[in-house]
Amino acid sequence: MDYQFDVLIVGAGAVGCAVARELSRTDLRIAVLEKECDVASGTSGRNSAVVHAGFNNKPGSLMAKLCVEGNETFEALCRELDVPYRKTGKLLVAFDESEMQTLANLVEQGRKNGCKGLTLISREGLEKRAPNVGGIGAMYSPNTAIFDPFLYTVALAENALHNGVQFYLNTEVTGIDRQAEGFCIATNCGTYSSKMLINCAGLFSDKISDMAGVTGYHIYPCRGEYLILDKIAKDYLDIPVYPAPHPGIGGLGVHLTPTIHGNLIVGPNAEYIEGKEDCATTQETLEQLFQEAQMLLPPLQRKDIIGAYSGIRSKLAPPEEGGFRDFIIQEEPSVPGFIDLVGIESPGMTASMPIARRVSGMVREKLAPGENPTFDPKHQGILRFAEQTPERKAELIAQDPDYGEVICRCQQITKKEIRQAIENPLGVRTISAIKYRAWPTTGRCQGGYCLAHIVEILEKEYGLPPETISQRGTGSELFSGRVKG
C-alpha cells in the first residue's frame, strides 16, 4: 500500500514530535514514521530532564540561540500541553579558584547568549541556596528548570495527532527514492510518498541522510549513565547542581538533579561507544558516579540508590575532538525538499519548539499551505490522584471507583490512571508506555508490587495474552510461556 502525504517526518523523539505539532497548524497532510513502538524511545526518554538556560553554548551558534529562545517559552508551552514543569534555578559549583574563574567566564558567555540573571555566589551564598552542597562558590542560573521529558514528548505527539497528524509506529525506514515531485520512502510496513521529507531521526539521522543521497554526516554515539535515587530531593537538594565545566568532555559533567517526581538523579558520564542502541549500565561507571556525587553532596548514602539507566547523545564531534559541534538544521541544497536535522544533542529538548518553528518556516516557504482552521494548542494529561486535596480525591472516587484502587503503592497511582495510560491515543500498550505516562514501577520497589497487577489488568480487562505483553515492544516480552499452577 502506498500512503501519500505532503510532509513525512522520520523520528518521533521530542524534536520530531515538536515539528509534527507545529506543522499541524497548517492544512498539510502530515505523518510521522518511528521505528520503535512508542514516541520518546531514544534520547528524548533518557536524559537529565533539565530545561537549560543556554550559557554553555558557543555565542553565535544555533545551539545558543535556540536554547535561549526555548528556555524563554518553555513554561508557557508546558502549561499549554499540561506537562509538569518547575523553575528551580541551577548551581555550577567550583572547588578551587581556577574553577571560579571558569564560572566567571561562563557568566560572560551566557550574557553574550542572552541569558538573564547569571551571578557568581560565594561559599556563604552557596550554603543559603544548597546547604548540603560542597565547594567554595558557585554560579547561579535562575532560569534553569526541570520537567518530565517523556510526558512532554507524549503531549506533543498526542496534540499533533489530535490536530490531524498521523503516527506510524514500529515503522522503520529502509530506503528513500528521490522522485520528480518528492520522495518515495520504503519501510518494513509499506511504502510512503511525500512532497517533503524531514529527518528527525536523532542517533540515526546520518543513516537517513545517506538514504536520501546526502553523504558526509557521521553521528558518534556517546553514552551517559545515571543513578536514580529515592524521593529525597526535598531533604537533600531542590535545585540541579553541576560541577564547573571542563573542556573536551562530551557532556556537562556528572551532576545532581531533582526530578519533577521528587527523586534525585546522578549523572551522566560521557563515554563514546560503538553501538547506537547500547543503553547498558556498568558497575564501574555507576560506582564512579556515586563517588563524584558524594563530592558535590556529602550526605548522600548508598541506601538511597533505587535504580540506574543510560541515554545516548547524538554527537557530531568525534572522540578525538570531544566537546560540541553546532546543530545542523537545513534544507539540503543537493536534495530539494529534504530537511536535515543532524547532531541535535543537548540542549535539543529545550530547543525543540524553536527548532520546530524554524523547520515549519522552511516547509511553509516551500509548500505555501493554508492554516488548519480547527487547530487546538491545548492538551490534557492524566490527572495525578496523589496530588489532589482530600476533598477532590473523595469527589473523584465518587465519580469513578477506579480512583479508589491503588495499583502502585510507592507512587500512590490508582487503577484509573493506569487505565488512562493503557488507553493512550497512540495505542501503545507496553509496560514502558504505561510507566512513562502514569509513572508506576518507578518507586523504591521498582515494580515489585504493581507490575503483576498491571499485567493482570492488561490480560483480564484488555484481552492481551500474557505472552504478548512486553517491556518495550517486540523482543522484550515479559513471559515466554505458561506453567501449570
Protein backbone atom coordinates (compact mmCIF):
# COMPACT_ATOMS: atom_id res chain seq x y z
CA MET A 1 0.00 0.00 0.00
CA ASP A 2 1.23 3.50 -0.86
CA TYR A 3 0.50 6.16 1.77
CA GLN A 4 0.57 9.69 0.29
CA PHE A 5 1.36 12.83 2.31
CA ASP A 6 2.60 16.36 1.85
CA VAL A 7 5.21 16.02 4.61
CA LEU A 8 6.79 12.98 6.23
CA ILE A 9 8.80 13.24 9.43
CA VAL A 10 11.23 10.46 10.30
CA GLY A 11 11.63 10.06 14.06
CA ALA A 12 9.25 10.57 16.99
CA GLY A 13 11.55 11.99 19.63
CA ALA A 14 10.92 15.40 21.17
CA VAL A 15 12.12 17.27 18.08
CA GLY A 16 10.20 15.14 15.59
CA CYS A 17 7.01 15.43 17.64
CA ALA A 18 7.52 19.19 18.08
CA VAL A 19 7.88 19.56 14.30
CA ALA A 20 4.73 17.49 13.81
CA ARG A 21 2.78 19.58 16.30
CA GLU A 22 3.96 22.87 14.80
CA LEU A 23 3.14 21.76 11.24
CA SER A 24 -0.33 20.63 12.38
CA ARG A 25 -1.19 24.33 12.44
CA THR A 26 -1.34 24.05 8.64
CA ASP A 27 -3.72 22.17 6.34
CA LEU A 28 -0.94 19.90 5.09
CA ARG A 29 -1.21 16.10 5.17
CA ILE A 30 1.49 15.10 7.67
CA ALA A 31 2.74 11.79 9.06
CA VAL A 32 5.47 10.66 11.44
CA LEU A 33 7.39 7.40 10.90
CA GLU A 34 9.01 5.86 14.01
CA LYS A 35 10.87 2.56 14.08
CA GLU A 36 10.20 1.96 17.79
CA CYS A 37 6.84 1.04 19.34
CA ASP A 38 6.40 4.41 21.08
CA VAL A 39 7.48 8.02 20.97
CA ALA A 40 10.49 9.18 23.04
CA SER A 41 12.02 5.69 22.91
CA GLY A 42 15.52 7.05 22.32
CA THR A 43 17.45 10.01 23.71
CA SER A 44 14.27 12.01 24.42
CA GLY A 45 13.26 9.50 27.09
CA ARG A 46 16.76 9.05 28.55
CA ASN A 47 18.25 12.33 29.73
CA SER A 48 18.59 14.68 32.70
CA ALA A 49 15.12 16.26 32.34
CA VAL A 50 16.50 19.80 32.57
CA VAL A 51 15.34 22.93 30.71
CA HIS A 52 18.69 24.58 30.03
CA ALA A 53 19.30 28.32 30.14
CA GLY A 54 21.80 28.48 27.24
CA PHE A 55 25.03 29.71 28.85
CA ASN A 56 27.04 26.57 27.98
CA ASN A 57 26.77 27.03 24.23
CA LYS A 58 29.10 28.90 21.91
CA PRO A 59 27.99 32.50 21.28
CA GLY A 60 26.52 32.92 17.83
CA SER A 61 25.71 29.23 17.44
CA LEU A 62 22.30 27.79 16.63
CA MET A 63 22.60 25.81 19.88
CA ALA A 64 22.86 29.02 21.90
CA LYS A 65 20.19 30.96 20.01
CA LEU A 66 17.58 28.19 20.01
CA CYS A 67 18.28 27.10 23.59
CA VAL A 68 17.75 30.60 24.97
CA GLU A 69 14.61 31.01 22.87
CA GLY A 70 13.33 27.63 24.03
CA ASN A 71 14.03 28.40 27.68
CA GLU A 72 12.06 31.65 27.49
CA THR A 73 8.95 29.95 26.09
CA PHE A 74 9.12 26.52 27.74
CA GLU A 75 6.99 27.26 30.79
CA ALA A 76 4.09 28.61 28.72
CA LEU A 77 4.37 25.62 26.37
CA CYS A 78 4.21 23.17 29.29
CA ARG A 79 1.09 24.92 30.59
CA GLU A 80 -0.47 24.59 27.15
CA LEU A 81 0.40 20.89 26.98
CA ASP A 82 -0.34 20.09 30.67
CA VAL A 83 3.24 18.91 31.30
CA PRO A 84 4.80 19.10 34.81
CA TYR A 85 7.40 21.90 34.96
CA ARG A 86 9.18 23.70 37.79
CA LYS A 87 11.65 26.57 37.59
CA THR A 88 14.31 25.60 40.14
CA GLY A 89 17.38 27.51 39.02
CA LYS A 90 20.75 25.76 38.80
CA LEU A 91 24.11 25.90 40.56
CA LEU A 92 27.51 25.25 38.96
CA VAL A 93 29.94 24.54 41.78
CA ALA A 94 33.65 25.38 41.96
CA PHE A 95 36.14 23.63 44.23
CA ASP A 96 39.14 25.94 43.64
CA GLU A 97 39.91 29.45 42.36
CA SER A 98 40.66 28.29 38.81
CA GLU A 99 37.17 26.82 38.61
CA MET A 100 35.72 30.09 39.95
CA GLN A 101 37.43 31.85 37.05
CA THR A 102 35.90 29.28 34.68
CA LEU A 103 32.49 30.18 36.10
CA ALA A 104 33.18 33.90 35.70
CA ASN A 105 33.97 33.27 32.02
CA LEU A 106 30.75 31.26 31.74
CA VAL A 107 28.72 34.16 33.14
CA GLU A 108 30.16 36.40 30.44
CA GLN A 109 29.47 33.81 27.73
CA GLY A 110 25.90 33.43 28.98
CA ARG A 111 25.35 37.18 28.84
CA LYS A 112 26.52 37.19 25.22
CA ASN A 113 23.95 34.48 24.51
CA GLY A 114 21.15 36.50 26.09
CA CYS A 115 20.84 34.57 29.36
CA LYS A 116 19.43 36.66 32.19
CA GLY A 117 20.24 36.77 35.89
CA LEU A 118 23.52 34.80 35.91
CA THR A 119 25.54 35.57 39.03
CA LEU A 120 28.55 34.32 40.94
CA ILE A 121 27.96 33.49 44.60
CA SER A 122 30.36 32.88 47.48
CA ARG A 123 30.53 29.91 49.84
CA GLU A 124 28.07 31.72 52.10
CA GLY A 125 25.65 32.22 49.21
CA LEU A 126 26.02 28.57 48.23
CA GLU A 127 25.17 27.50 51.78
CA LYS A 128 21.98 29.56 51.67
CA ARG A 129 20.79 28.06 48.39
CA ALA A 130 22.02 24.46 48.88
CA PRO A 131 23.35 23.91 52.41
CA ASN A 132 24.30 20.25 51.79
CA VAL A 133 26.49 21.00 48.76
CA GLY A 134 30.29 21.21 48.90
CA GLY A 135 32.51 23.71 47.06
CA ILE A 136 33.99 27.18 47.60
CA GLY A 137 31.45 29.05 45.48
CA ALA A 138 29.16 28.71 42.51
CA MET A 139 27.44 30.26 39.53
CA TYR A 140 23.68 30.63 39.87
CA SER A 141 21.35 30.40 36.87
CA PRO A 142 17.82 31.44 37.89
CA ASN A 143 16.09 30.40 34.66
CA THR A 144 17.01 26.71 34.60
CA ALA A 145 14.06 24.39 35.20
CA ILE A 146 13.10 20.72 35.48
CA PHE A 147 10.25 18.92 33.69
CA ASP A 148 9.08 15.49 32.56
CA PRO A 149 10.67 14.82 29.14
CA PHE A 150 8.61 11.74 28.35
CA LEU A 151 5.28 13.39 29.16
CA TYR A 152 6.46 16.40 27.14
CA THR A 153 7.12 14.27 24.05
CA VAL A 154 3.90 12.31 24.52
CA ALA A 155 1.93 15.56 24.85
CA LEU A 156 3.47 16.96 21.66
CA ALA A 157 2.62 13.74 19.80
CA GLU A 158 -0.92 13.46 21.16
CA ASN A 159 -1.63 17.11 20.40
CA ALA A 160 -0.28 16.68 16.86
CA LEU A 161 -2.45 13.56 16.48
CA HIS A 162 -5.48 15.49 17.74
CA ASN A 163 -4.77 18.12 15.08
CA GLY A 164 -4.63 15.64 12.21
CA VAL A 165 -1.07 14.27 12.09
CA GLN A 166 -0.84 10.50 11.58
CA PHE A 167 1.69 8.41 13.51
CA TYR A 168 3.07 5.12 12.22
CA LEU A 169 4.94 3.32 14.99
CA ASN A 170 7.01 0.14 14.53
CA THR A 171 7.74 1.55 11.07
CA GLU A 172 11.42 1.58 10.09
CA VAL A 173 12.64 3.41 7.00
CA THR A 174 14.61 1.03 4.78
CA GLY A 175 15.09 3.14 1.66
CA ILE A 176 14.46 6.57 0.16
CA ASP A 177 13.91 7.14 -3.56
CA ARG A 178 14.05 10.73 -4.81
CA GLN A 179 11.37 11.40 -7.42
CA ALA A 180 10.41 14.35 -9.61
CA GLU A 181 7.69 15.54 -7.24
CA GLY A 182 9.10 14.39 -3.92
CA PHE A 183 10.14 11.19 -2.19
CA CYS A 184 9.14 7.54 -2.08
CA ILE A 185 10.00 6.05 1.31
CA ALA A 186 10.22 2.30 1.72
CA THR A 187 9.61 0.85 5.19
CA ASN A 188 9.09 -2.53 6.80
CA CYS A 189 5.35 -1.73 6.81
CA GLY A 190 4.79 -0.47 3.28
CA THR A 191 5.63 2.47 1.04
CA TYR A 192 5.02 6.15 1.77
CA SER A 193 5.30 9.13 -0.54
CA SER A 194 5.60 12.82 0.25
CA LYS A 195 6.46 16.18 -1.26
CA MET A 196 8.87 16.97 1.57
CA LEU A 197 10.86 14.77 3.95
CA ILE A 198 12.14 15.87 7.36
CA ASN A 199 14.95 13.94 9.04
CA CYS A 200 14.45 13.95 12.83
CA ALA A 201 15.98 10.50 13.35
CA GLY A 202 18.41 11.51 16.11
CA LEU A 203 21.10 8.87 16.52
CA PHE A 204 20.21 7.53 13.07
CA SER A 205 19.99 10.88 11.28
CA ASP A 206 23.23 10.17 9.42
CA LYS A 207 21.75 6.93 8.10
CA ILE A 208 18.58 8.66 6.88
CA SER A 209 20.70 11.37 5.22
CA ASP A 210 22.70 8.70 3.41
CA MET A 211 19.49 7.08 2.15
CA ALA A 212 18.31 10.45 0.82
CA GLY A 213 21.56 10.96 -1.06
CA VAL A 214 23.31 13.33 1.37
CA THR A 215 26.65 11.84 2.39
CA GLY A 216 29.32 13.03 4.78
CA TYR A 217 27.49 13.18 8.11
CA HIS A 218 28.57 10.83 10.88
CA ILE A 219 26.90 10.51 14.27
CA TYR A 220 29.14 9.32 17.12
CA PRO A 221 27.07 7.73 19.90
CA CYS A 222 28.13 8.95 23.34
CA ARG A 223 26.59 7.15 26.30
CA GLY A 224 25.79 8.72 29.63
CA GLU A 225 24.87 6.59 32.64
CA TYR A 226 22.70 7.69 35.56
CA LEU A 227 21.89 6.58 39.09
CA ILE A 228 18.32 7.00 40.32
CA LEU A 229 17.99 7.91 43.99
CA ASP A 230 14.90 7.67 46.14
CA LYS A 231 12.48 10.56 46.75
CA ILE A 232 14.97 12.53 48.82
CA ALA A 233 15.09 15.78 46.85
CA LYS A 234 13.06 17.69 49.47
CA ASP A 235 15.53 16.64 52.18
CA TYR A 236 18.84 16.93 50.34
CA LEU A 237 18.61 19.11 47.26
CA ASP A 238 15.83 21.00 45.48
CA ILE A 239 17.98 22.55 42.74
CA PRO A 240 20.17 20.99 40.00
CA VAL A 241 23.86 21.10 40.93
CA TYR A 242 26.58 20.75 38.29
CA PRO A 243 30.37 20.87 38.57
CA ALA A 244 32.28 23.68 36.89
CA PRO A 245 32.71 22.56 33.24
CA HIS A 246 35.97 21.21 31.87
CA PRO A 247 36.81 21.47 28.16
CA GLY A 248 36.96 18.44 25.91
CA ILE A 249 34.43 16.16 27.61
CA GLY A 250 31.38 15.01 25.67
CA GLY A 251 28.86 16.29 28.22
CA LEU A 252 28.39 18.78 31.05
CA GLY A 253 29.93 16.66 33.79
CA VAL A 254 28.35 14.47 36.45
CA HIS A 255 25.62 16.39 38.18
CA LEU A 256 22.79 16.01 40.70
CA THR A 257 19.28 16.85 39.55
CA PRO A 258 15.99 16.69 41.43
CA THR A 259 13.24 15.29 39.22
CA ILE A 260 9.73 16.61 38.85
CA HIS A 261 8.60 13.49 40.76
CA GLY A 262 10.82 14.11 43.81
CA ASN A 263 13.71 11.72 43.11
CA LEU A 264 17.34 12.72 42.65
CA ILE A 265 19.31 11.52 39.64
CA VAL A 266 23.10 11.39 39.44
CA GLY A 267 24.97 11.56 36.15
CA PRO A 268 25.71 11.36 33.36
CA ASN A 269 29.24 10.46 32.48
CA ALA A 270 30.26 10.71 28.82
CA GLU A 271 31.59 7.63 27.04
CA TYR A 272 31.89 7.24 23.29
CA ILE A 273 30.67 3.78 22.29
CA GLU A 274 30.19 1.75 19.12
CA GLY A 275 26.52 0.79 19.30
CA LYS A 276 23.80 3.40 18.88
CA GLU A 277 21.36 1.35 20.96
CA ASP A 278 23.70 0.12 23.69
CA CYS A 279 21.91 1.56 26.72
CA ALA A 280 23.68 -0.71 29.21
CA THR A 281 24.85 0.45 32.61
CA THR A 282 28.16 -0.68 34.10
CA GLN A 283 29.12 -1.31 37.70
CA GLU A 284 32.41 0.58 37.37
CA THR A 285 30.75 3.71 35.99
CA LEU A 286 27.90 3.65 38.50
CA GLU A 287 30.42 3.46 41.34
CA GLN A 288 32.30 6.42 39.88
CA LEU A 289 29.05 8.37 39.59
CA PHE A 290 28.27 7.78 43.25
CA GLN A 291 31.72 8.89 44.38
CA GLU A 292 31.57 12.07 42.29
CA ALA A 293 28.06 12.75 43.56
CA GLN A 294 29.27 12.50 47.15
CA MET A 295 31.86 15.18 46.40
CA LEU A 296 29.05 17.54 45.42
CA LEU A 297 26.61 16.32 48.07
CA PRO A 298 28.46 14.68 51.00
CA PRO A 299 25.33 13.46 52.89
CA LEU A 300 24.41 11.01 50.11
CA GLN A 301 24.24 7.35 51.16
CA ARG A 302 24.24 4.15 49.12
CA LYS A 303 20.91 3.10 50.58
CA ASP A 304 19.35 6.00 48.63
CA ILE A 305 20.06 4.28 45.29
CA ILE A 306 16.99 2.57 43.76
CA GLY A 307 17.91 2.16 40.08
CA ALA A 308 20.01 3.13 37.08
CA TYR A 309 19.64 3.90 33.38
CA SER A 310 21.60 5.34 30.48
CA GLY A 311 20.99 7.51 27.44
CA ILE A 312 22.96 8.14 24.26
CA ARG A 313 23.84 11.53 22.78
CA SER A 314 23.86 12.14 19.01
CA LYS A 315 27.27 13.77 18.65
CA LEU A 316 28.81 15.21 15.51
CA ALA A 317 32.11 15.78 17.33
CA PRO A 318 34.32 12.65 17.15
CA PRO A 319 36.03 11.22 20.26
CA GLU A 320 39.40 12.79 19.47
CA GLU A 321 37.76 16.22 19.31
CA GLY A 322 35.25 15.95 22.13
CA GLY A 323 33.05 18.84 23.16
CA PHE A 324 30.18 20.04 20.98
CA ARG A 325 29.51 20.90 17.37
CA ASP A 326 26.58 23.05 16.35
CA PHE A 327 23.16 21.80 15.28
CA ILE A 328 22.64 21.22 11.57
CA ILE A 329 19.15 22.35 10.54
CA GLN A 330 18.79 22.96 6.81
CA GLU A 331 17.11 22.04 3.57
CA GLU A 332 19.88 20.22 1.75
CA PRO A 333 20.86 22.11 -1.43
CA SER A 334 21.64 18.85 -3.24
CA VAL A 335 18.26 17.31 -2.36
CA PRO A 336 15.47 19.92 -2.62
CA GLY A 337 12.59 19.20 -0.27
CA PHE A 338 14.77 17.21 2.17
CA ILE A 339 15.24 18.97 5.54
CA ASP A 340 18.09 17.60 7.63
CA LEU A 341 18.30 17.86 11.41
CA VAL A 342 21.62 16.30 12.39
CA GLY A 343 23.61 16.39 15.64
CA ILE A 344 20.65 17.53 17.76
CA GLU A 345 22.09 16.69 21.15
CA SER A 346 21.63 18.59 24.42
CA PRO A 347 20.10 21.20 24.60
CA GLY A 348 17.87 19.73 21.90
CA MET A 349 14.93 19.12 24.26
CA THR A 350 14.97 22.74 25.45
CA ALA A 351 15.33 23.97 21.87
CA SER A 352 12.78 21.55 20.38
CA MET A 353 9.99 24.06 19.79
CA PRO A 354 12.22 26.81 18.32
CA ILE A 355 13.71 24.11 16.09
CA ALA A 356 10.18 23.13 15.07
CA ARG A 357 9.27 26.73 14.23
CA ARG A 358 12.42 27.04 12.14
CA VAL A 359 11.59 23.86 10.21
CA SER A 360 7.96 24.91 9.82
CA GLY A 361 9.15 28.15 8.21
CA MET A 362 11.11 26.16 5.62
CA VAL A 363 8.08 23.99 4.85
CA ARG A 364 5.74 26.97 4.62
CA GLU A 365 8.09 28.74 2.23
CA LYS A 366 8.24 25.67 0.01
CA LEU A 367 4.61 24.50 0.01
CA ALA A 368 2.67 27.69 0.91
CA PRO A 369 0.00 25.81 2.89
CA GLY A 370 -3.20 27.21 4.33
CA GLU A 371 -3.96 27.24 8.04
CA ASN A 372 -5.67 24.42 9.93
CA PRO A 373 -8.99 26.05 10.90
CA THR A 374 -9.55 23.60 13.78
CA PHE A 375 -6.05 23.68 15.29
CA ASP A 376 -6.22 23.31 19.07
CA PRO A 377 -2.99 24.02 21.02
CA LYS A 378 -4.28 22.50 24.26
CA HIS A 379 -3.54 19.01 25.55
CA GLN A 380 -4.91 17.38 28.69
CA GLY A 381 -2.69 14.92 30.52
CA ILE A 382 -3.57 12.25 33.08
CA LEU A 383 -4.82 13.71 36.35
CA ARG A 384 -2.45 12.80 39.21
CA PHE A 385 -4.66 11.47 42.01
CA ALA A 386 -1.91 11.66 44.65
CA GLU A 387 -1.55 15.42 44.09
CA GLN A 388 -5.22 16.22 44.76
CA THR A 389 -6.74 17.54 48.00
CA PRO A 390 -8.64 15.07 50.23
CA GLU A 391 -11.90 16.68 49.17
CA ARG A 392 -11.08 16.36 45.47
CA LYS A 393 -9.98 12.75 45.96
CA ALA A 394 -13.34 11.93 47.52
CA GLU A 395 -15.12 13.55 44.58
CA LEU A 396 -13.06 11.58 42.07
CA ILE A 397 -13.71 8.25 43.80
CA ALA A 398 -17.43 9.01 43.86
CA GLN A 399 -17.31 9.69 40.10
CA ASP A 400 -15.19 6.62 39.27
CA PRO A 401 -14.41 3.80 41.77
CA ASP A 402 -11.18 3.04 39.89
CA TYR A 403 -9.73 6.12 41.61
CA GLY A 404 -10.23 4.27 44.90
CA GLU A 405 -7.98 1.33 43.99
CA VAL A 406 -4.24 1.96 44.37
CA ILE A 407 -2.16 -0.12 41.95
CA CYS A 408 1.28 1.39 42.63
CA ARG A 409 1.79 1.79 46.38
CA CYS A 410 5.16 3.57 46.15
CA GLN A 411 3.81 6.36 43.95
CA GLN A 412 0.15 6.15 45.01
CA ILE A 413 -1.06 5.59 41.45
CA THR A 414 -4.62 4.45 41.00
CA LYS A 415 -6.26 1.99 38.64
CA LYS A 416 -7.94 4.90 36.85
CA GLU A 417 -4.56 6.41 35.98
CA ILE A 418 -3.26 3.02 34.80
CA ARG A 419 -6.33 2.62 32.58
CA GLN A 420 -5.85 6.09 31.11
CA ALA A 421 -2.23 5.23 30.32
CA ILE A 422 -3.25 1.95 28.68
CA GLU A 423 -5.89 3.73 26.61
CA ASN A 424 -3.47 6.38 25.31
CA PRO A 425 -4.37 7.89 21.90
CA LEU A 426 -1.28 6.43 20.21
CA GLY A 427 -2.47 2.92 21.12
CA VAL A 428 0.79 1.77 22.76
CA ARG A 429 0.31 -0.93 25.39
CA THR A 430 3.79 -1.81 26.57
CA ILE A 431 4.85 -1.66 30.21
CA SER A 432 7.19 1.24 29.45
CA ALA A 433 4.35 3.18 27.76
CA ILE A 434 2.22 2.77 30.89
CA LYS A 435 5.20 3.58 33.12
CA TYR A 436 6.09 6.85 31.46
CA ARG A 437 2.52 8.07 31.13
CA ALA A 438 1.29 7.24 34.66
CA TRP A 439 4.62 6.59 36.48
CA PRO A 440 4.09 3.10 38.03
CA THR A 441 7.10 0.77 38.57
CA THR A 442 9.30 3.81 39.34
CA GLY A 443 9.16 3.75 43.14
CA ARG A 444 11.53 2.13 45.59
CA CYS A 445 10.28 -1.39 44.87
CA GLN A 446 10.77 -0.80 41.11
CA GLY A 447 7.56 -2.60 40.19
CA GLY A 448 7.79 -5.39 42.75
CA TYR A 449 4.16 -4.83 43.76
CA CYS A 450 2.42 -3.06 40.88
CA LEU A 451 3.83 -4.89 37.83
CA ALA A 452 1.83 -8.06 38.46
CA HIS A 453 -1.35 -6.01 38.90
CA ILE A 454 -0.73 -4.12 35.64
CA VAL A 455 -0.21 -7.42 33.78
CA GLU A 456 -3.45 -8.72 35.27
CA ILE A 457 -5.33 -5.61 34.10
CA LEU A 458 -3.89 -5.94 30.59
CA GLU A 459 -4.86 -9.61 30.44
CA LYS A 460 -8.28 -9.65 32.08
CA GLU A 461 -9.65 -6.23 31.14
CA TYR A 462 -8.00 -5.58 27.76
CA GLY A 463 -7.66 -9.14 26.47
CA LEU A 464 -3.88 -9.18 25.98
CA PRO A 465 -2.39 -12.69 26.25
CA PRO A 466 0.43 -12.52 28.83
CA GLU A 467 2.91 -13.88 26.29
CA THR A 468 2.38 -10.75 24.17
CA ILE A 469 2.96 -8.25 26.99
CA SER A 470 6.36 -6.61 26.62
CA GLN A 471 8.54 -4.02 28.29
CA ARG A 472 9.42 -2.09 25.13
CA GLY A 473 7.90 -3.95 22.19
CA THR A 474 8.99 -6.99 20.19
CA GLY A 475 11.96 -8.76 21.74
CA SER A 476 11.27 -7.60 25.29
CA GLU A 477 8.34 -9.86 26.16
CA LEU A 478 7.94 -10.48 29.89
CA PHE A 479 6.81 -14.10 29.59
CA SER A 480 7.92 -16.97 27.36
CA GLY A 481 5.09 -19.38 28.14
CA ARG A 482 2.78 -20.81 30.78
CA VAL A 483 3.35 -23.25 33.63
CA LYS A 484 0.79 -25.32 35.45
CA GLY A 485 -0.47 -23.74 38.65
